Amino acid sequence: MLADAVVVIHAAYVVFVVFGLAAILIGVVLEWEWVRGFCFRLWHLVAIALVCLEAILGVMCPLTTLEGSLRARAGQWSAPESAIGNSSAKNAGSSLIPQAG
């Protein structure tokens, strides 16, 4: 149950980073005041910088690690790496042509 809460928080973080950028780009065109706000821009920049720092250092996301730990303690199956990273590795180099495998 706690692991599921961590997944929700993790998904919200991803949504904030991805859709925050989209909101900034669209908001500039549509003249939305809130996307020009210092706090929003600062927190968005900090969120992106944290992801970049993790990637540069080769560190797994702490939320992924926490989720895995909570699932292990609850006796649930836990992926050894992030779900997104696992999915990306399987799909790397994939094309529109189905591959046997």
Foldseek 3Di string as FASTA:
>chain_A
DVLVVLVVVVVVLVCLQVVLVVCLVVCVVVVDPVNVDPVSVVVNVVSVVVVVVCVVVVHADPSLVVSQVVCVVVVHDHDPHDPVVVVCVVCVPPDPDDDDD
